[in-house]
């Protein structure tokens, strides 16, 4: 199956010398995700905060999606033992699909054929046991189908992610993730 994707899709690590103009045409419908790719992702890569990868159609060089991975950890305070537990993780800091390609399973394809294999390779090199992400709060609180589109919570659950318990959610202190909900997958 990987060969089929390799025939039509190309993954490249974001490079400002090569992709600066290409990213200007990307639009996923979420202004924050669009702006990150166009204005912040290059510096994010350079500073070592995370790495952004773009997925393009081979025949047109059009960007169909992108994702950003970074190191992180989930800190959980165990009330019974009074011990703070740390779960080393890889965070999917961004995942977006171009508006023109939504509802065609490209998000699922990017996850299973690009993100997950990369994380499994990292797991061979360093100790990690969790994949985590912060999903947009407005989309995650309700299971309603909005305009026949399933919510982000539904999408991530289909991939195998779980919504962190309320006890864990209340300890998320990073202002950057305010308004988002932690979801995780054990690996």
C-alpha atoms as a PDB file:
ATOM      1  CA  UNK A   1       0.000   0.000   0.000  1.00  0.00           C
ATOM      2  CA  UNK A   2       2.885   2.362   0.772  1.00  0.00           C
ATOM      3  CA  UNK A   3       4.035   2.064  -2.853  1.00  0.00           C
ATOM      4  CA  UNK A   4       0.639   3.337  -4.035  1.00  0.00           C
ATOM      5  CA  UNK A   5       0.985   6.459  -1.884  1.00  0.00           C
ATOM      6  CA  UNK A   6       4.610   6.890  -2.933  1.00  0.00           C
ATOM      7  CA  UNK A   7       3.495   6.836  -6.562  1.00  0.00           C
ATOM      8  CA  UNK A   8       1.174   9.854  -6.114  1.00  0.00           C
ATOM      9  CA  UNK A   9       2.312  11.625  -2.951  1.00  0.00           C
ATOM     10  CA  UNK A  10       5.587  13.112  -1.815  1.00  0.00           C
ATOM     11  CA  UNK A  11       6.603  13.964   1.744  1.00  0.00           C
ATOM     12  CA  UNK A  12       9.209  16.667   2.310  1.00  0.00           C
ATOM     13  CA  UNK A  13      10.555  18.309   5.438  1.00  0.00           C
ATOM     14  CA  UNK A  14       9.660  21.993   5.285  1.00  0.00           C
ATOM     15  CA  UNK A  15      12.542  24.057   3.907  1.00  0.00           C
ATOM     16  CA  UNK A  16      12.312  27.847   3.556  1.00  0.00           C
ATOM     17  CA  UNK A  17      14.587  27.858   0.501  1.00  0.00           C
ATOM     18  CA  UNK A  18      12.387  25.356  -1.309  1.00  0.00           C
ATOM     19  CA  UNK A  19       8.839  25.763   0.044  1.00  0.00           C
ATOM     20  CA  UNK A  20       8.448  29.440   0.979  1.00  0.00           C
ATOM     21  CA  UNK A  21       6.279  30.292  -2.051  1.00  0.00           C
ATOM     22  CA  UNK A  22       4.437  26.943  -2.148  1.00  0.00           C
ATOM     23  CA  UNK A  23       3.032  27.322   1.369  1.00  0.00           C
ATOM     24  CA  UNK A  24       1.509  30.715   0.526  1.00  0.00           C
ATOM     25  CA  UNK A  25      -1.230  28.926  -1.452  1.00  0.00           C
ATOM     26  CA  UNK A  26      -2.180  26.519   1.346  1.00  0.00           C
ATOM     27  CA  UNK A  27      -5.582  26.952   2.990  1.00  0.00           C
ATOM     28  CA  UNK A  28      -7.239  24.476   5.344  1.00  0.00           C
ATOM     29  CA  UNK A  29     -10.039  26.694   6.621  1.00  0.00           C
ATOM     30  CA  UNK A  30      -8.444  27.253  10.031  1.00  0.00           C
ATOM     31  CA  UNK A  31      -6.670  30.605  10.110  1.00  0.00           C
ATOM     32  CA  UNK A  32      -4.308  29.609  12.942  1.00  0.00           C
ATOM     33  CA  UNK A  33      -3.145  26.477  11.100  1.00  0.00           C
ATOM     34  CA  UNK A  34      -2.750  28.388   7.833  1.00  0.00           C
ATOM     35  CA  UNK A  35      -0.749  31.167   9.509  1.00  0.00           C
ATOM     36  CA  UNK A  36       1.466  28.702  11.339  1.00  0.00           C
ATOM     37  CA  UNK A  37       2.530  27.063   8.074  1.00  0.00           C
ATOM     38  CA  UNK A  38       3.012  30.356   6.235  1.00  0.00           C
ATOM     39  CA  UNK A  39       4.616  32.454   8.986  1.00  0.00           C
ATOM     40  CA  UNK A  40       5.915  30.361  11.896  1.00  0.00           C
ATOM     41  CA  UNK A  41       6.782  26.825  10.794  1.00  0.00           C
ATOM     42  CA  UNK A  42      10.121  27.729   9.223  1.00  0.00           C
ATOM     43  CA  UNK A  43      11.375  29.363  12.452  1.00  0.00           C
ATOM     44  CA  UNK A  44       9.826  26.533  14.520  1.00  0.00           C
ATOM     45  CA  UNK A  45      11.959  24.028  12.571  1.00  0.00           C
ATOM     46  CA  UNK A  46      15.072  26.208  12.764  1.00  0.00           C
ATOM     47  CA  UNK A  47      14.760  26.691  16.549  1.00  0.00           C
ATOM     48  CA  UNK A  48      14.340  22.942  17.136  1.00  0.00           C
ATOM     49  CA  UNK A  49      10.863  23.309  18.612  1.00  0.00           C
ATOM     50  CA  UNK A  50       9.466  20.734  16.201  1.00  0.00           C
ATOM     51  CA  UNK A  51       9.664  19.609  12.600  1.00  0.00           C
ATOM     52  CA  UNK A  52       7.039  20.314   9.965  1.00  0.00           C
ATOM     53  CA  UNK A  53       6.514  18.047   6.979  1.00  0.00           C
ATOM     54  CA  UNK A  54       4.423  18.765   3.908  1.00  0.00           C
ATOM     55  CA  UNK A  55       2.632  16.193   1.780  1.00  0.00           C
ATOM     56  CA  UNK A  56       2.375  17.118  -1.889  1.00  0.00           C
ATOM     57  CA  UNK A  57       0.883  15.665  -5.031  1.00  0.00           C
ATOM     58  CA  UNK A  58       3.795  14.523  -7.180  1.00  0.00           C
ATOM     59  CA  UNK A  59       2.306  15.598 -10.496  1.00  0.00           C
ATOM     60  CA  UNK A  60       1.356  19.177  -9.485  1.00  0.00           C
ATOM     61  CA  UNK A  61       3.531  19.931  -6.398  1.00  0.00           C
ATOM     62  CA  UNK A  62       0.338  21.135  -4.686  1.00  0.00           C
ATOM     63  CA  UNK A  63       0.449  20.811  -0.900  1.00  0.00           C
ATOM     64  CA  UNK A  64      -2.451  18.623   0.223  1.00  0.00           C
ATOM     65  CA  UNK A  65      -1.550  18.692   3.899  1.00  0.00           C
ATOM     66  CA  UNK A  66       1.079  19.159   6.544  1.00  0.00           C
ATOM     67  CA  UNK A  67       1.936  18.047  10.043  1.00  0.00           C
ATOM     68  CA  UNK A  68       4.326  19.078  12.799  1.00  0.00           C
ATOM     69  CA  UNK A  69       5.890  16.715  15.337  1.00  0.00           C
ATOM     70  CA  UNK A  70       7.643  17.669  18.559  1.00  0.00           C
ATOM     71  CA  UNK A  71       8.853  16.085  21.788  1.00  0.00           C
ATOM     72  CA  UNK A  72       6.665  16.464  24.852  1.00  0.00           C
ATOM     73  CA  UNK A  73       5.479  14.613  27.957  1.00  0.00           C
ATOM     74  CA  UNK A  74       2.232  14.168  29.812  1.00  0.00           C
ATOM     75  CA  UNK A  75       2.599  14.924  33.524  1.00  0.00           C
ATOM     76  CA  UNK A  76       0.039  13.218  35.756  1.00  0.00           C
ATOM     77  CA  UNK A  77      -0.123  13.632  39.503  1.00  0.00           C
ATOM     78  CA  UNK A  78      -1.217  10.383  41.117  1.00  0.00           C
ATOM     79  CA  UNK A  79      -3.318  11.417  44.113  1.00  0.00           C
ATOM     80  CA  UNK A  80      -3.072   7.978  45.773  1.00  0.00           C
ATOM     81  CA  UNK A  81       0.725   7.702  45.634  1.00  0.00           C
ATOM     82  CA  UNK A  82       1.403  11.463  45.664  1.00  0.00           C
ATOM     83  CA  UNK A  83       3.865  10.933  42.851  1.00  0.00           C
ATOM     84  CA  UNK A  84       4.040  12.932  39.666  1.00  0.00           C
ATOM     85  CA  UNK A  85       4.232  10.508  36.743  1.00  0.00           C
ATOM     86  CA  UNK A  86       5.766  11.531  33.468  1.00  0.00           C
ATOM     87  CA  UNK A  87       4.817   9.831  30.209  1.00  0.00           C
ATOM     88  CA  UNK A  88       7.329  10.674  27.451  1.00  0.00           C
ATOM     89  CA  UNK A  89       5.500  11.499  24.251  1.00  0.00           C
ATOM     90  CA  UNK A  90       5.657  12.664  20.695  1.00  0.00           C
ATOM     91  CA  UNK A  91       3.164  15.451  20.135  1.00  0.00           C
ATOM     92  CA  UNK A  92       1.372  15.965  16.867  1.00  0.00           C
ATOM     93  CA  UNK A  93       1.523  19.739  17.199  1.00  0.00           C
ATOM     94  CA  UNK A  94      -0.253  20.427  13.890  1.00  0.00           C
ATOM     95  CA  UNK A  95      -2.141  18.363  11.330  1.00  0.00           C
ATOM     96  CA  UNK A  96      -4.022  20.063   8.513  1.00  0.00           C
ATOM     97  CA  UNK A  97      -5.456  19.128   5.125  1.00  0.00           C
ATOM     98  CA  UNK A  98      -5.942  21.597   2.276  1.00  0.00           C
ATOM     99  CA  UNK A  99      -9.614  22.572   1.817  1.00  0.00           C
ATOM    100  CA  UNK A 100      -9.607  21.169  -1.724  1.00  0.00           C
ATOM    101  CA  UNK A 101      -8.766  17.690  -0.391  1.00  0.00           C
ATOM    102  CA  UNK A 102     -10.884  17.437   2.754  1.00  0.00           C
ATOM    103  CA  UNK A 103     -13.269  14.493   3.195  1.00  0.00           C
ATOM    104  CA  UNK A 104     -11.085  12.305   0.972  1.00  0.00           C
ATOM    105  CA  UNK A 105      -9.298  10.459   3.797  1.00  0.00           C
ATOM    106  CA  UNK A 106      -6.071  12.417   3.364  1.00  0.00           C
ATOM    107  CA  UNK A 107      -5.894  13.137   7.116  1.00  0.00           C
ATOM    108  CA  UNK A 108      -6.087   9.405   7.808  1.00  0.00           C
ATOM    109  CA  UNK A 109      -3.543   8.693   5.075  1.00  0.00           C
ATOM    110  CA  UNK A 110      -1.124  11.267   6.470  1.00  0.00           C
ATOM    111  CA  UNK A 111      -1.460   9.793   9.957  1.00  0.00           C
ATOM    112  CA  UNK A 112      -1.066   6.100   9.105  1.00  0.00           C
ATOM    113  CA  UNK A 113       1.442   6.338   6.247  1.00  0.00           C
ATOM    114  CA  UNK A 114       3.630   9.271   7.289  1.00  0.00           C
ATOM    115  CA  UNK A 115       3.220  10.254  10.952  1.00  0.00           C
ATOM    116  CA  UNK A 116       2.891   6.826  12.621  1.00  0.00           C
ATOM    117  CA  UNK A 117       5.864   5.205  10.832  1.00  0.00           C
ATOM    118  CA  UNK A 118       8.039   8.207  11.720  1.00  0.00           C
ATOM    119  CA  UNK A 119       6.996   7.962  15.389  1.00  0.00           C
ATOM    120  CA  UNK A 120       7.709   4.210  15.430  1.00  0.00           C
ATOM    121  CA  UNK A 121      11.235   4.928  14.164  1.00  0.00           C
ATOM    122  CA  UNK A 122      11.753   7.525  16.910  1.00  0.00           C
ATOM    123  CA  UNK A 123      10.478   5.026  19.497  1.00  0.00           C
ATOM    124  CA  UNK A 124      13.306   2.659  18.456  1.00  0.00           C
ATOM    125  CA  UNK A 125      15.848   5.378  19.308  1.00  0.00           C
ATOM    126  CA  UNK A 126      14.468   7.011  22.457  1.00  0.00           C
ATOM    127  CA  UNK A 127      12.009   6.164  25.219  1.00  0.00           C
ATOM    128  CA  UNK A 128       8.481   7.246  24.364  1.00  0.00           C
ATOM    129  CA  UNK A 129       5.209   5.525  25.137  1.00  0.00           C
ATOM    130  CA  UNK A 130       2.534   7.998  24.065  1.00  0.00           C
ATOM    131  CA  UNK A 131       1.393  10.024  21.082  1.00  0.00           C
ATOM    132  CA  UNK A 132      -0.423  13.167  22.167  1.00  0.00           C
ATOM    133  CA  UNK A 133      -2.190  16.097  20.590  1.00  0.00           C
ATOM    134  CA  UNK A 134      -4.336  19.030  21.595  1.00  0.00           C
ATOM    135  CA  UNK A 135      -7.592  19.119  19.653  1.00  0.00           C
ATOM    136  CA  UNK A 136      -9.567  22.303  19.139  1.00  0.00           C
ATOM    137  CA  UNK A 137     -12.074  22.638  21.976  1.00  0.00           C
ATOM    138  CA  UNK A 138     -15.101  23.823  19.981  1.00  0.00           C
ATOM    139  CA  UNK A 139     -15.003  20.769  17.770  1.00  0.00           C
ATOM    140  CA  UNK A 140     -14.396  18.276  20.528  1.00  0.00           C
ATOM    141  CA  UNK A 141     -17.168  19.033  23.012  1.00  0.00           C
ATOM    142  CA  UNK A 142     -19.990  17.849  20.814  1.00  0.00           C
ATOM    143  CA  UNK A 143     -20.533  14.768  18.731  1.00  0.00           C
ATOM    144  CA  UNK A 144     -22.936  16.544  16.422  1.00  0.00           C
ATOM    145  CA  UNK A 145     -22.346  16.284  12.739  1.00  0.00           C
ATOM    146  CA  UNK A 146     -21.983  19.840  11.520  1.00  0.00           C
ATOM    147  CA  UNK A 147     -22.940  20.156   7.837  1.00  0.00           C
ATOM    148  CA  UNK A 148     -22.530  16.367   7.586  1.00  0.00           C
ATOM    149  CA  UNK A 149     -18.899  16.659   8.659  1.00  0.00           C
ATOM    150  CA  UNK A 150     -17.790  14.574  11.595  1.00  0.00           C
ATOM    151  CA  UNK A 151     -16.068  16.351  14.478  1.00  0.00           C
ATOM    152  CA  UNK A 152     -12.346  16.327  15.165  1.00  0.00           C
ATOM    153  CA  UNK A 153     -13.004  14.199  18.242  1.00  0.00           C
ATOM    154  CA  UNK A 154     -14.625  11.571  16.048  1.00  0.00           C
ATOM    155  CA  UNK A 155     -11.711  11.734  13.570  1.00  0.00           C
ATOM    156  CA  UNK A 156      -9.060  11.279  16.261  1.00  0.00           C
ATOM    157  CA  UNK A 157     -11.010   8.534  18.023  1.00  0.00           C
ATOM    158  CA  UNK A 158     -11.217   6.626  14.719  1.00  0.00           C
ATOM    159  CA  UNK A 159      -7.423   6.854  14.546  1.00  0.00           C
ATOM    160  CA  UNK A 160      -7.212   5.331  18.056  1.00  0.00           C
ATOM    161  CA  UNK A 161      -6.845   8.415  20.278  1.00  0.00           C
ATOM    162  CA  UNK A 162      -8.573   8.781  23.639  1.00  0.00           C
ATOM    163  CA  UNK A 163      -9.768  11.971  25.266  1.00  0.00           C
ATOM    164  CA  UNK A 164      -7.793  12.523  28.481  1.00  0.00           C
ATOM    165  CA  UNK A 165      -9.839  12.388  31.664  1.00  0.00           C
ATOM    166  CA  UNK A 166     -11.082  15.637  33.197  1.00  0.00           C
ATOM    167  CA  UNK A 167      -8.570  15.203  36.033  1.00  0.00           C
ATOM    168  CA  UNK A 168      -5.723  15.350  33.496  1.00  0.00           C
ATOM    169  CA  UNK A 169      -7.319  18.135  31.421  1.00  0.00           C
ATOM    170  CA  UNK A 170      -7.406  20.513  34.394  1.00  0.00           C
ATOM    171  CA  UNK A 171      -3.618  20.276  34.793  1.00  0.00           C
ATOM    172  CA  UNK A 172      -2.904  21.560  31.305  1.00  0.00           C
ATOM    173  CA  UNK A 173      -1.197  24.828  32.137  1.00  0.00           C
ATOM    174  CA  UNK A 174       0.286  25.879  28.825  1.00  0.00           C
ATOM    175  CA  UNK A 175      -1.489  29.059  27.676  1.00  0.00           C
ATOM    176  CA  UNK A 176      -0.749  28.035  24.109  1.00  0.00           C
ATOM    177  CA  UNK A 177      -3.082  25.022  24.455  1.00  0.00           C
ATOM    178  CA  UNK A 178      -5.858  26.970  26.154  1.00  0.00           C
ATOM    179  CA  UNK A 179      -9.202  26.062  24.665  1.00  0.00           C
ATOM    180  CA  UNK A 180      -7.930  22.688  23.447  1.00  0.00           C
ATOM    181  CA  UNK A 181      -8.416  19.196  24.832  1.00  0.00           C
ATOM    182  CA  UNK A 182      -5.640  16.681  25.312  1.00  0.00           C
ATOM    183  CA  UNK A 183      -6.023  13.421  23.416  1.00  0.00           C
ATOM    184  CA  UNK A 184      -3.533  10.565  23.590  1.00  0.00           C
ATOM    185  CA  UNK A 185      -2.686   7.144  22.212  1.00  0.00           C
ATOM    186  CA  UNK A 186      -0.415   4.614  23.899  1.00  0.00           C
ATOM    187  CA  UNK A 187       2.227   3.027  21.697  1.00  0.00           C
END
